[in-house]
Amino acid sequence: MLLAAIKTGIAAVVIAFASWLAGKKPELAGFIIALPIASLIALAFSYAEHQNSEASITFAKSILVGVPVSWLFFVPFFFAGKFNLHFIASYGLGLVLLVLGFYLHQYLLKTL
């Protein structure tokens, strides 16, 4: 139980810091969030908790495939000006693309 609280606390601090920083330096906050901080933390916690190298390596491979696939969420925001999309429409389309990306992720992991 204590380990779960520590993990939650670390994740909350990283997210809260990036959120706070976004109001002052949004470019730096975006760069920090783009770093694989969450992946580094999650991989270390997973291995520490389960002591399973094979599962941790599979986890890392899934992250490697999942990161570029997850960029699909941002595509509507990139084209929002060109297609006159507001935030809510961009966000909704991003979620739809993210769901499609999940299936692409599953396919890629099975075929690689």
N, C-alpha and C. Protein backbone atom coordinates (compact mmCIF):
# COMPACT_ATOMS: atom_id res chain seq x y z
N MET A 1 0.82 -1.19 0.00
CA MET A 1 0.00 0.00 0.00
C MET A 1 0.87 1.26 0.00
N LEU A 2 1.95 1.23 0.76
CA LEU A 2 2.86 2.38 0.82
C LEU A 2 3.49 2.61 -0.54
N LEU A 3 3.88 1.53 -1.24
CA LEU A 3 4.48 1.67 -2.57
C LEU A 3 3.50 2.33 -3.54
N ALA A 4 2.24 1.95 -3.48
CA ALA A 4 1.23 2.56 -4.35
C ALA A 4 1.09 4.05 -4.06
N ALA A 5 1.14 4.43 -2.80
CA ALA A 5 1.05 5.84 -2.43
C ALA A 5 2.26 6.62 -2.92
N ILE A 6 3.45 6.03 -2.82
CA ILE A 6 4.67 6.68 -3.30
C ILE A 6 4.61 6.86 -4.81
N LYS A 7 4.20 5.82 -5.52
CA LYS A 7 4.09 5.90 -6.97
C LYS A 7 3.09 6.98 -7.38
N THR A 8 1.97 7.03 -6.70
CA THR A 8 0.96 8.03 -7.00
C THR A 8 1.48 9.43 -6.73
N GLY A 9 2.19 9.58 -5.63
CA GLY A 9 2.75 10.88 -5.28
C GLY A 9 3.76 11.38 -6.30
N ILE A 10 4.64 10.51 -6.76
CA ILE A 10 5.64 10.91 -7.75
C ILE A 10 4.97 11.32 -9.06
N ALA A 11 4.03 10.51 -9.52
CA ALA A 11 3.31 10.83 -10.76
C ALA A 11 2.55 12.15 -10.62
N ALA A 12 1.92 12.36 -9.49
CA ALA A 12 1.16 13.59 -9.27
C ALA A 12 2.07 14.81 -9.27
N VAL A 13 3.23 14.69 -8.68
CA VAL A 13 4.17 15.82 -8.64
C VAL A 13 4.64 16.17 -10.04
N VAL A 14 4.97 15.17 -10.84
CA VAL A 14 5.42 15.43 -12.21
C VAL A 14 4.33 16.13 -13.02
N ILE A 15 3.12 15.63 -12.94
CA ILE A 15 2.00 16.22 -13.69
C ILE A 15 1.68 17.62 -13.17
N ALA A 16 1.62 17.79 -11.87
CA ALA A 16 1.32 19.10 -11.29
C ALA A 16 2.40 20.12 -11.65
N PHE A 17 3.66 19.71 -11.62
CA PHE A 17 4.73 20.63 -11.97
C PHE A 17 4.62 21.08 -13.42
N ALA A 18 4.37 20.13 -14.32
CA ALA A 18 4.25 20.48 -15.74
C ALA A 18 3.04 21.38 -15.98
N SER A 19 1.96 21.12 -15.29
CA SER A 19 0.77 21.95 -15.41
C SER A 19 1.04 23.37 -14.92
N TRP A 20 1.71 23.49 -13.80
CA TRP A 20 2.06 24.80 -13.26
C TRP A 20 3.01 25.54 -14.21
N LEU A 21 4.01 24.82 -14.71
CA LEU A 21 5.00 25.42 -15.60
C LEU A 21 4.37 25.87 -16.92
N ALA A 22 3.32 25.19 -17.36
CA ALA A 22 2.65 25.55 -18.62
C ALA A 22 2.12 26.97 -18.60
N GLY A 23 1.75 27.47 -17.44
CA GLY A 23 1.27 28.85 -17.34
C GLY A 23 2.39 29.86 -17.45
N LYS A 24 3.60 29.48 -17.14
CA LYS A 24 4.74 30.40 -17.16
C LYS A 24 5.61 30.21 -18.40
N LYS A 25 5.89 28.97 -18.74
CA LYS A 25 6.74 28.65 -19.89
C LYS A 25 6.16 27.43 -20.61
N PRO A 26 5.11 27.65 -21.44
CA PRO A 26 4.43 26.51 -22.07
C PRO A 26 5.33 25.67 -22.97
N GLU A 27 6.32 26.30 -23.63
CA GLU A 27 7.21 25.53 -24.49
C GLU A 27 8.05 24.56 -23.67
N LEU A 28 8.57 25.03 -22.53
CA LEU A 28 9.37 24.16 -21.67
C LEU A 28 8.51 23.06 -21.06
N ALA A 29 7.30 23.41 -20.64
CA ALA A 29 6.39 22.41 -20.07
C ALA A 29 6.07 21.33 -21.10
N GLY A 30 5.83 21.72 -22.34
CA GLY A 30 5.56 20.76 -23.40
C GLY A 30 6.75 19.84 -23.64
N PHE A 31 7.94 20.43 -23.61
CA PHE A 31 9.14 19.61 -23.80
C PHE A 31 9.31 18.60 -22.66
N ILE A 32 9.08 19.05 -21.43
CA ILE A 32 9.20 18.16 -20.28
C ILE A 32 8.20 17.01 -20.38
N ILE A 33 6.97 17.32 -20.73
CA ILE A 33 5.96 16.27 -20.85
C ILE A 33 6.29 15.33 -22.01
N ALA A 34 6.93 15.85 -23.05
CA ALA A 34 7.30 15.01 -24.18
C ALA A 34 8.42 14.03 -23.83
N LEU A 35 9.18 14.34 -22.80
CA LEU A 35 10.24 13.42 -22.38
C LEU A 35 9.61 12.12 -21.88
N PRO A 36 10.34 11.05 -21.94
CA PRO A 36 9.76 9.78 -21.49
C PRO A 36 9.80 9.61 -19.97
N ILE A 37 9.51 10.68 -19.24
CA ILE A 37 9.56 10.63 -17.78
C ILE A 37 8.59 9.60 -17.23
N ALA A 38 7.37 9.64 -17.72
CA ALA A 38 6.36 8.68 -17.24
C ALA A 38 6.79 7.25 -17.56
N SER A 39 7.36 7.06 -18.75
CA SER A 39 7.82 5.72 -19.12
C SER A 39 8.98 5.26 -18.24
N LEU A 40 9.91 6.16 -17.98
CA LEU A 40 11.03 5.82 -17.09
C LEU A 40 10.54 5.41 -15.71
N ILE A 41 9.63 6.21 -15.18
CA ILE A 41 9.09 5.92 -13.85
C ILE A 41 8.30 4.61 -13.85
N ALA A 42 7.42 4.45 -14.84
CA ALA A 42 6.57 3.25 -14.89
C ALA A 42 7.40 1.98 -15.09
N LEU A 43 8.40 2.04 -15.95
CA LEU A 43 9.24 0.86 -16.17
C LEU A 43 10.00 0.47 -14.90
N ALA A 44 10.55 1.46 -14.23
CA ALA A 44 11.29 1.17 -12.99
C ALA A 44 10.36 0.61 -11.92
N PHE A 45 9.20 1.24 -11.74
CA PHE A 45 8.24 0.76 -10.74
C PHE A 45 7.76 -0.65 -11.08
N SER A 46 7.47 -0.90 -12.35
CA SER A 46 6.98 -2.21 -12.77
C SER A 46 8.02 -3.30 -12.48
N TYR A 47 9.27 -3.02 -12.85
CA TYR A 47 10.30 -4.02 -12.60
C TYR A 47 10.52 -4.22 -11.10
N ALA A 48 10.53 -3.14 -10.34
CA ALA A 48 10.73 -3.24 -8.90
C ALA A 48 9.61 -4.04 -8.24
N GLU A 49 8.41 -3.86 -8.74
CA GLU A 49 7.26 -4.53 -8.14
C GLU A 49 7.17 -6.00 -8.54
N HIS A 50 7.45 -6.32 -9.80
CA HIS A 50 7.22 -7.67 -10.31
C HIS A 50 8.50 -8.49 -10.51
N GLN A 51 9.65 -7.83 -10.59
CA GLN A 51 10.93 -8.52 -10.80
C GLN A 51 10.88 -9.47 -12.00
N ASN A 52 10.24 -9.02 -13.08
CA ASN A 52 10.06 -9.86 -14.26
C ASN A 52 10.67 -9.13 -15.47
N SER A 53 11.90 -9.53 -15.83
CA SER A 53 12.60 -8.87 -16.93
C SER A 53 11.85 -8.99 -18.25
N GLU A 54 11.33 -10.17 -18.54
CA GLU A 54 10.63 -10.38 -19.81
C GLU A 54 9.40 -9.47 -19.93
N ALA A 55 8.62 -9.39 -18.87
CA ALA A 55 7.44 -8.52 -18.88
C ALA A 55 7.85 -7.05 -19.01
N SER A 56 8.92 -6.66 -18.34
CA SER A 56 9.38 -5.27 -18.40
C SER A 56 9.90 -4.92 -19.80
N ILE A 57 10.56 -5.86 -20.44
CA ILE A 57 11.04 -5.64 -21.81
C ILE A 57 9.87 -5.53 -22.78
N THR A 58 8.87 -6.39 -22.61
CA THR A 58 7.67 -6.31 -23.44
C THR A 58 6.96 -4.98 -23.21
N PHE A 59 6.91 -4.55 -21.96
CA PHE A 59 6.32 -3.26 -21.60
C PHE A 59 7.06 -2.13 -22.34
N ALA A 60 8.39 -2.16 -22.33
CA ALA A 60 9.20 -1.14 -23.00
C ALA A 60 8.96 -1.14 -24.51
N LYS A 61 8.86 -2.33 -25.11
CA LYS A 61 8.58 -2.42 -26.54
C LYS A 61 7.21 -1.83 -26.87
N SER A 62 6.24 -2.11 -26.01
CA SER A 62 4.90 -1.56 -26.21
C SER A 62 4.92 -0.04 -26.15
N ILE A 63 5.72 0.50 -25.24
CA ILE A 63 5.85 1.96 -25.15
C ILE A 63 6.49 2.51 -26.42
N LEU A 64 7.54 1.84 -26.89
CA LEU A 64 8.23 2.29 -28.10
C LEU A 64 7.27 2.37 -29.29
N VAL A 65 6.42 1.39 -29.44
CA VAL A 65 5.43 1.40 -30.53
C VAL A 65 4.31 2.39 -30.22
N GLY A 66 3.92 2.46 -28.96
CA GLY A 66 2.78 3.29 -28.58
C GLY A 66 3.02 4.78 -28.65
N VAL A 67 4.24 5.22 -28.41
CA VAL A 67 4.51 6.66 -28.41
C VAL A 67 4.19 7.30 -29.76
N PRO A 68 4.79 6.85 -30.86
CA PRO A 68 4.44 7.51 -32.13
C PRO A 68 2.98 7.31 -32.52
N VAL A 69 2.40 6.17 -32.17
CA VAL A 69 0.98 5.95 -32.48
C VAL A 69 0.12 6.94 -31.70
N SER A 70 0.51 7.25 -30.47
CA SER A 70 -0.28 8.17 -29.65
C SER A 70 -0.24 9.60 -30.18
N TRP A 71 0.72 9.90 -31.03
CA TRP A 71 0.77 11.24 -31.64
C TRP A 71 -0.44 11.51 -32.51
N LEU A 72 -1.16 10.45 -32.90
CA LEU A 72 -2.37 10.65 -33.69
C LEU A 72 -3.35 11.59 -33.00
N PHE A 73 -3.34 11.57 -31.66
CA PHE A 73 -4.24 12.45 -30.90
C PHE A 73 -4.02 13.92 -31.27
N PHE A 74 -2.79 14.30 -31.58
CA PHE A 74 -2.46 15.70 -31.82
C PHE A 74 -2.68 16.15 -33.26
N VAL A 75 -2.93 15.23 -34.17
CA VAL A 75 -3.10 15.58 -35.58
C VAL A 75 -4.22 16.61 -35.79
N PRO A 76 -5.41 16.45 -35.20
CA PRO A 76 -6.45 17.47 -35.42
C PRO A 76 -6.04 18.86 -34.92
N PHE A 77 -5.26 18.93 -33.86
CA PHE A 77 -4.81 20.23 -33.35
C PHE A 77 -3.85 20.89 -34.35
N PHE A 78 -3.03 20.07 -34.99
CA PHE A 78 -2.08 20.57 -35.96
C PHE A 78 -2.80 21.21 -37.15
N PHE A 79 -3.92 20.60 -37.54
CA PHE A 79 -4.67 21.09 -38.70
C PHE A 79 -5.90 21.93 -38.31
N ALA A 80 -6.02 22.29 -37.05
CA ALA A 80 -7.21 23.03 -36.59
C ALA A 80 -7.40 24.34 -37.34
N GLY A 81 -6.34 25.08 -37.57
CA GLY A 81 -6.46 26.36 -38.28
C GLY A 81 -6.87 26.18 -39.73
N LYS A 82 -6.30 25.19 -40.36
CA LYS A 82 -6.60 24.95 -41.78
C LYS A 82 -8.04 24.53 -41.99
N PHE A 83 -8.58 23.72 -41.07
CA PHE A 83 -9.95 23.22 -41.21
C PHE A 83 -10.94 23.93 -40.29
N ASN A 84 -10.51 25.01 -39.67
CA ASN A 84 -11.35 25.83 -38.81
C ASN A 84 -12.00 25.00 -37.68
N LEU A 85 -11.19 24.18 -37.03
CA LEU A 85 -11.68 23.36 -35.93
C LEU A 85 -11.46 24.08 -34.60
N HIS A 86 -12.45 24.07 -33.75
CA HIS A 86 -12.30 24.61 -32.41
C HIS A 86 -11.69 23.54 -31.51
N PHE A 87 -11.38 23.92 -30.29
CA PHE A 87 -10.71 23.01 -29.37
C PHE A 87 -11.51 21.73 -29.15
N ILE A 88 -12.81 21.84 -28.87
CA ILE A 88 -13.62 20.66 -28.55
C ILE A 88 -13.66 19.69 -29.74
N ALA A 89 -13.81 20.23 -30.95
CA ALA A 89 -13.81 19.36 -32.13
C ALA A 89 -12.45 18.70 -32.32
N SER A 90 -11.38 19.45 -32.14
CA SER A 90 -10.03 18.89 -32.26
C SER A 90 -9.81 17.80 -31.21
N TYR A 91 -10.25 18.08 -30.01
CA TYR A 91 -10.09 17.12 -28.91
C TYR A 91 -10.87 15.83 -29.20
N GLY A 92 -12.11 15.98 -29.64
CA GLY A 92 -12.94 14.81 -29.96
C GLY A 92 -12.36 13.98 -31.09
N LEU A 93 -11.92 14.66 -32.16
CA LEU A 93 -11.31 13.93 -33.27
C LEU A 93 -10.01 13.27 -32.82
N GLY A 94 -9.28 13.94 -31.95
CA GLY A 94 -8.05 13.36 -31.42
C GLY A 94 -8.33 12.08 -30.65
N LEU A 95 -9.40 12.07 -29.86
CA LEU A 95 -9.77 10.86 -29.13
C LEU A 95 -10.15 9.73 -30.08
N VAL A 96 -10.88 10.06 -31.13
CA VAL A 96 -11.25 9.04 -32.13
C VAL A 96 -9.99 8.47 -32.77
N LEU A 97 -9.06 9.34 -33.14
CA LEU A 97 -7.81 8.86 -33.74
C LEU A 97 -6.99 8.04 -32.74
N LEU A 98 -7.08 8.40 -31.48
CA LEU A 98 -6.36 7.64 -30.45
C LEU A 98 -6.92 6.23 -30.31
N VAL A 99 -8.23 6.09 -30.39
CA VAL A 99 -8.85 4.76 -30.34
C VAL A 99 -8.40 3.94 -31.55
N LEU A 100 -8.40 4.56 -32.73
CA LEU A 100 -7.90 3.86 -33.92
C LEU A 100 -6.42 3.51 -33.75
N GLY A 101 -5.68 4.41 -33.13
CA GLY A 101 -4.27 4.17 -32.87
C GLY A 101 -4.04 2.98 -31.96
N PHE A 102 -4.95 2.76 -31.01
CA PHE A 102 -4.83 1.60 -30.13
C PHE A 102 -4.86 0.31 -30.95
N TYR A 103 -5.77 0.23 -31.91
CA TYR A 103 -5.85 -0.97 -32.76
C TYR A 103 -4.62 -1.10 -33.64
N LEU A 104 -4.10 0.01 -34.11
CA LEU A 104 -2.86 -0.01 -34.88
C LEU A 104 -1.71 -0.50 -34.00
N HIS A 105 -1.65 -0.05 -32.77
CA HIS A 105 -0.64 -0.48 -31.79
C HIS A 105 -0.70 -1.99 -31.59
N GLN A 106 -1.89 -2.52 -31.38
CA GLN A 106 -2.06 -3.95 -31.18
C GLN A 106 -1.59 -4.74 -32.39
N TYR A 107 -1.95 -4.25 -33.58
CA TYR A 107 -1.55 -4.92 -34.81
C TYR A 107 -0.02 -4.92 -34.95
N LEU A 108 0.58 -3.78 -34.71
CA LEU A 108 2.04 -3.66 -34.86
C LEU A 108 2.76 -4.57 -33.86
N LEU A 109 2.28 -4.64 -32.64
CA LEU A 109 2.94 -5.49 -31.65
C LEU A 109 2.84 -6.98 -32.02
N LYS A 110 1.75 -7.36 -32.65
CA LYS A 110 1.59 -8.77 -33.04
C LYS A 110 2.43 -9.12 -34.26
N THR A 111 2.68 -8.14 -35.13
CA THR A 111 3.40 -8.44 -36.36
C THR A 111 4.90 -8.20 -36.26
N LEU A 112 5.35 -7.46 -35.26
CA LEU A 112 6.79 -7.18 -35.15
C LEU A 112 7.49 -8.23 -34.33
